[in-house]
N, C-alpha and C. Protein backbone atom coordinates (compact mmCIF):
# COMPACT_ATOMS: atom_id res chain seq x y z
N MET A 1 71.27 68.03 124.07
CA MET A 1 72.48 67.63 124.69
C MET A 1 72.64 67.36 125.44
N SER A 2 73.88 66.48 126.37
CA SER A 2 74.06 66.58 128.22
C SER A 2 75.63 67.14 128.38
N GLN A 3 75.79 67.56 129.24
CA GLN A 3 77.27 67.68 129.40
C GLN A 3 77.57 67.62 130.85
N THR A 4 78.93 66.75 131.62
CA THR A 4 79.62 66.76 132.66
C THR A 4 80.90 67.42 132.37
N LYS A 5 81.53 68.22 133.61
CA LYS A 5 82.30 68.60 134.16
C LYS A 5 83.79 67.35 133.82
N GLY A 6 84.73 68.12 133.24
CA GLY A 6 85.77 66.80 133.46
C GLY A 6 87.01 67.74 134.26
N ASN A 7 88.34 67.46 134.01
CA ASN A 7 90.34 68.11 134.10
C ASN A 7 89.43 69.75 133.57
N GLY A 8 90.60 70.00 134.76
CA GLY A 8 90.88 71.61 133.53
C GLY A 8 89.48 72.52 133.59
N GLY A 9 88.70 72.86 133.48
CA GLY A 9 88.34 73.31 133.03
C GLY A 9 86.95 72.53 131.75
N SER A 10 87.09 71.97 131.29
CA SER A 10 87.03 70.76 130.44
C SER A 10 85.44 70.44 130.61
N THR A 11 84.17 70.34 129.72
CA THR A 11 83.60 69.92 130.14
C THR A 11 83.30 68.65 128.29
N SER A 12 82.66 67.41 128.77
CA SER A 12 82.07 66.25 128.40
C SER A 12 80.99 66.90 127.29
N ILE A 13 80.76 66.84 126.22
CA ILE A 13 79.32 67.51 125.36
C ILE A 13 79.21 66.79 124.35
N ARG A 14 77.82 66.16 125.18
CA ARG A 14 76.67 64.92 123.61
C ARG A 14 75.90 65.40 122.56
N VAL A 15 76.59 65.03 121.29
CA VAL A 15 75.57 66.14 120.60
C VAL A 15 75.61 65.30 119.59
N GLU A 16 74.52 65.41 118.81
CA GLU A 16 74.14 64.25 117.47
C GLU A 16 74.44 65.03 116.36
N ILE A 17 75.19 64.32 115.23
CA ILE A 17 75.89 65.18 114.31
C ILE A 17 75.05 63.67 113.04
N TYR A 18 73.94 63.98 112.12
CA TYR A 18 73.46 62.98 111.74
C TYR A 18 73.62 61.65 111.47
N ASP A 19 72.50 61.73 112.66
CA ASP A 19 71.43 60.47 113.58
C ASP A 19 72.79 59.73 114.27
N GLN A 20 73.89 60.64 114.52
CA GLN A 20 74.85 59.63 115.29
C GLN A 20 75.29 60.54 116.56
N ASN A 21 75.91 60.30 117.42
CA ASN A 21 76.04 60.57 119.07
C ASN A 21 77.32 60.69 119.58
N TYR A 22 77.94 61.80 119.96
CA TYR A 22 79.57 61.93 119.86
C TYR A 22 79.01 62.58 120.59
N HIS A 23 80.60 62.48 122.20
CA HIS A 23 80.85 62.69 123.47
C HIS A 23 82.40 63.62 123.00
N LEU A 24 82.40 64.80 122.63
CA LEU A 24 83.56 65.82 122.47
C LEU A 24 83.28 66.25 123.90
N ARG A 25 85.08 66.68 123.90
CA ARG A 25 85.34 67.77 125.37
C ARG A 25 85.40 69.12 124.37
N GLY A 26 85.18 70.31 125.24
CA GLY A 26 85.80 71.47 125.78
C GLY A 26 85.31 72.41 126.32
N THR A 27 85.89 73.66 126.56
CA THR A 27 86.34 74.67 127.64
C THR A 27 83.91 75.33 127.08
N ASP A 28 84.01 75.43 125.58
CA ASP A 28 82.69 76.43 125.93
C ASP A 28 81.28 74.93 125.12
N PRO A 29 80.44 74.73 126.23
CA PRO A 29 80.22 73.74 124.93
C PRO A 29 78.57 74.21 124.40
N GLN A 30 79.08 75.56 124.17
CA GLN A 30 77.12 76.17 123.34
C GLN A 30 78.17 76.35 122.49
N TYR A 31 79.85 76.73 121.66
CA TYR A 31 80.22 76.48 121.25
C TYR A 31 80.08 75.32 120.62
N ILE A 32 81.01 74.39 120.41
CA ILE A 32 80.72 72.85 120.20
C ILE A 32 79.44 72.85 119.55
N GLN A 33 78.49 72.79 120.31
CA GLN A 33 77.26 72.90 119.61
C GLN A 33 76.79 73.21 118.86
N ASP A 34 76.93 74.42 118.28
CA ASP A 34 77.35 75.26 117.72
C ASP A 34 77.78 74.50 116.19
N LEU A 35 79.07 74.70 116.39
CA LEU A 35 79.74 73.57 115.13
C LEU A 35 79.41 72.26 115.40
N ALA A 36 78.13 71.52 115.94
CA ALA A 36 77.53 69.96 115.14
C ALA A 36 76.41 70.22 115.31
N LYS A 37 76.15 71.10 115.30
CA LYS A 37 74.94 71.89 114.38
C LYS A 37 75.41 72.45 113.20
N TYR A 38 75.53 72.82 113.03
CA TYR A 38 76.56 73.62 111.75
C TYR A 38 76.98 72.50 110.68
N VAL A 39 77.85 71.49 111.21
CA VAL A 39 78.06 70.16 111.16
C VAL A 39 76.91 69.21 110.48
N ASP A 40 76.37 69.18 111.32
CA ASP A 40 75.16 67.70 110.80
C ASP A 40 73.86 69.38 109.19
N ALA A 41 74.39 69.50 109.55
CA ALA A 41 72.69 70.59 108.62
C ALA A 41 74.03 70.98 107.13
N LYS A 42 75.09 71.00 106.85
CA LYS A 42 76.45 70.40 105.84
C LYS A 42 75.57 69.47 105.70
N MET A 43 75.98 68.49 106.22
CA MET A 43 75.80 67.22 105.47
C MET A 43 74.11 66.82 105.04
N ARG A 44 73.37 66.86 106.18
CA ARG A 44 71.74 67.02 105.63
C ARG A 44 71.87 67.64 104.35
N LEU A 45 72.00 69.27 103.89
CA LEU A 45 72.05 69.54 102.50
C LEU A 45 72.95 68.82 101.96
N ILE A 46 73.62 68.16 102.36
CA ILE A 46 74.48 67.80 100.91
C ILE A 46 74.27 66.13 100.07
N ALA A 47 73.10 65.45 101.43
CA ALA A 47 72.63 63.90 101.61
C ALA A 47 71.82 64.55 100.14
N GLU A 48 70.66 65.67 100.50
CA GLU A 48 70.04 65.61 99.49
C GLU A 48 69.72 65.95 98.25
N GLN A 49 71.15 66.94 98.12
CA GLN A 49 72.04 66.80 97.35
C GLN A 49 72.59 65.68 96.04
N ALA A 50 72.86 65.43 97.23
CA ALA A 50 74.12 64.27 96.37
C ALA A 50 72.95 63.18 95.74
N SER A 51 72.01 63.19 96.38
CA SER A 51 70.28 61.20 96.68
C SER A 51 71.59 60.32 96.60
N THR A 52 72.90 60.66 97.54
CA THR A 52 73.01 59.59 98.74
C THR A 52 72.54 58.81 100.21
N VAL A 53 72.30 57.64 100.83
CA VAL A 53 72.76 57.03 101.93
C VAL A 53 73.92 56.93 102.63
N ASP A 54 75.02 56.61 101.35
CA ASP A 54 76.48 56.76 102.19
C ASP A 54 76.69 57.93 103.65
N SER A 55 76.70 57.61 104.38
CA SER A 55 77.15 58.00 105.27
C SER A 55 78.96 58.35 105.53
N LEU A 56 79.43 57.99 104.96
CA LEU A 56 80.95 58.35 104.79
C LEU A 56 81.10 58.80 103.41
N LYS A 57 80.46 58.62 102.32
CA LYS A 57 80.46 60.06 101.47
C LYS A 57 80.23 61.51 101.84
N VAL A 58 78.45 62.25 102.21
CA VAL A 58 78.16 62.07 102.76
C VAL A 58 79.34 63.30 103.74
N ALA A 59 79.83 62.17 104.47
CA ALA A 59 80.87 63.47 105.42
C ALA A 59 82.11 64.15 105.04
N VAL A 60 82.38 63.09 104.03
CA VAL A 60 83.31 63.24 103.35
C VAL A 60 83.07 64.48 102.21
N LEU A 61 82.00 64.72 101.22
CA LEU A 61 81.18 65.64 100.69
C LEU A 61 81.15 67.69 101.84
N ALA A 62 80.49 66.75 102.46
CA ALA A 62 80.31 68.09 103.37
C ALA A 62 82.32 68.54 104.22
N ALA A 63 82.68 67.83 104.18
CA ALA A 63 83.76 68.90 105.02
C ALA A 63 84.41 68.95 103.77
N LEU A 64 84.82 68.46 102.71
CA LEU A 64 84.86 68.91 101.17
C LEU A 64 84.36 70.68 101.25
N ASN A 65 82.94 70.21 101.46
CA ASN A 65 82.31 72.19 101.66
C ASN A 65 83.01 72.85 103.10
N ILE A 66 83.47 72.55 103.42
CA ILE A 66 83.04 73.18 104.24
C ILE A 66 84.73 73.92 104.49
N ALA A 67 85.76 72.91 104.29
CA ALA A 67 87.01 73.13 103.49
C ALA A 67 87.02 74.76 102.50
N ASP A 68 86.77 74.56 101.29
CA ASP A 68 86.37 74.97 100.40
C ASP A 68 86.27 76.63 101.02
N GLU A 69 84.65 76.78 102.28
CA GLU A 69 83.92 77.70 102.82
C GLU A 69 85.89 78.35 103.18
N LEU A 70 85.97 77.52 103.70
CA LEU A 70 87.64 77.84 105.53
C LEU A 70 88.57 78.82 104.02
N HIS A 71 88.46 77.68 103.37
CA HIS A 71 90.18 78.79 101.71
C HIS A 71 89.05 79.89 101.76
N VAL A 72 88.46 79.99 101.34
CA VAL A 72 87.45 81.23 100.50
C VAL A 72 87.69 82.33 100.95
N LEU A 73 87.06 81.96 102.73
CA LEU A 73 87.06 83.43 103.40
C LEU A 73 88.32 83.53 104.04
N LYS A 74 90.41 82.69 103.93
CA LYS A 74 90.99 82.74 104.27
C LYS A 74 92.05 83.51 103.11
N ARG A 75 91.02 83.82 101.50
CA ARG A 75 92.14 84.30 100.35
C ARG A 75 91.44 85.51 100.60
N LYS A 76 90.30 85.84 101.63
CA LYS A 76 89.63 86.77 101.21
C LYS A 76 90.44 88.23 102.95
N TYR A 77 90.74 87.52 103.55
CA TYR A 77 90.96 87.95 105.15
C TYR A 77 92.91 88.07 104.50
N ASP A 78 93.07 87.04 103.90
CA ASP A 78 94.84 87.11 103.34
C ASP A 78 94.00 88.33 102.71
N SER A 79 93.22 88.93 101.64
CA SER A 79 93.81 90.27 100.89
C SER A 79 92.87 90.90 101.24
N VAL A 80 92.19 91.23 102.29
CA VAL A 80 92.27 92.08 103.11
C VAL A 80 93.28 92.50 103.64
N ALA A 81 93.74 91.34 105.01
CA ALA A 81 95.09 91.19 105.35
C ALA A 81 96.36 92.64 104.62
N GLN A 82 96.33 92.29 103.60
CA GLN A 82 97.43 92.43 103.11
C GLN A 82 96.85 94.68 102.28
N ASP A 83 95.31 95.37 102.18
CA ASP A 83 95.60 96.42 101.78
C ASP A 83 95.37 96.99 103.01
N TYR A 84 95.50 96.09 104.30
CA TYR A 84 95.29 97.22 105.69
C TYR A 84 97.08 97.81 105.83
N THR A 85 97.76 95.62 105.48
CA THR A 85 99.36 96.88 105.24
C THR A 85 99.76 97.90 104.81
N ALA A 86 99.60 97.80 103.11
CA ALA A 86 100.06 98.34 102.42
C ALA A 86 99.71 99.73 102.80
N ARG A 87 98.08 100.16 103.27
CA ARG A 87 97.61 101.87 103.62
C ARG A 87 97.92 101.85 104.98
N ALA A 88 98.58 101.10 105.92
CA ALA A 88 99.41 101.48 107.69
C ALA A 88 101.19 102.18 106.73
N GLU A 89 101.80 101.46 105.70
CA GLU A 89 102.44 101.40 105.47
C GLU A 89 102.10 103.39 104.49
N HIS A 90 101.99 103.05 103.42
CA HIS A 90 101.16 104.45 103.16
C HIS A 90 101.31 105.43 104.79
N LEU A 91 100.39 105.65 105.52
CA LEU A 91 99.76 106.27 106.18
C LEU A 91 101.10 106.52 107.09
N SER A 92 101.89 105.75 107.39
CA SER A 92 103.50 106.31 108.30
C SER A 92 104.55 106.84 106.65
N ASP A 93 104.21 106.35 106.17
CA ASP A 93 105.16 107.24 105.22
C ASP A 93 105.09 108.79 104.95
N ALA A 94 103.90 108.81 105.10
CA ALA A 94 103.15 110.45 104.83
C ALA A 94 103.76 110.99 106.38
N LEU A 95 102.54 110.14 107.20
CA LEU A 95 103.71 110.74 108.53
C LEU A 95 104.74 111.08 108.92
N ASP A 96 105.39 110.45 108.23
CA ASP A 96 107.05 110.61 108.53
C ASP A 96 107.44 112.41 108.18
N GLU A 97 106.78 112.33 106.55
CA GLU A 97 107.29 112.82 106.10
C GLU A 97 106.53 113.96 106.29
N VAL A 98 105.55 114.67 106.46
CA VAL A 98 105.63 115.47 107.47
C VAL A 98 105.52 116.19 108.78
N LEU A 99 106.46 114.76 109.82
CA LEU A 99 106.87 115.91 111.21
C LEU A 99 108.14 116.00 110.14
N GLY A 100 108.60 114.62 109.69
CA GLY A 100 110.31 115.38 109.15
C GLY A 100 109.85 116.98 108.70
N GLU A 101 108.60 116.99 107.36
CA GLU A 101 109.28 118.66 107.35
C GLU A 101 109.09 119.63 108.36
N THR A 102 107.87 118.92 109.14
CA THR A 102 107.57 120.12 110.34
C THR A 102 109.70 120.15 111.54
N ARG A 103 109.68 118.93 111.52
CA ARG A 103 111.71 119.46 112.04
C ARG A 103 112.16 120.31 110.99
N ARG A 104 112.18 120.01 109.57
CA ARG A 104 113.75 121.13 109.40
C ARG A 104 112.64 122.48 109.21
N ALA A 105 111.61 122.68 108.90
CA ALA A 105 109.94 123.91 109.40
C ALA A 105 110.59 124.64 110.98
N GLY A 106 110.23 123.58 111.55
CA GLY A 106 110.55 124.87 113.12
C GLY A 106 111.81 125.24 113.34
């Protein structure tokens, strides 16, 4: 990985993904490097499993695999967010009820 400073705090980072060099820009070089390593590892795993040397097919299959991971996590997040929202509403209603009873009794 090589880095050069650019305008506005962004940095140009050279990364290698599936034996190809890419020059990327961003404000967090380590994060970009981590993403590149993740994509490279995913592509190599797909290439082993698919037994293909066509890098375009490997890239598309890796992208589909990563998209699937994203959608699974998004569904889990949405489910957890709904659960927390329902709990918060329930607790808010219970608190309103208790405070209402306290005001009537007080």
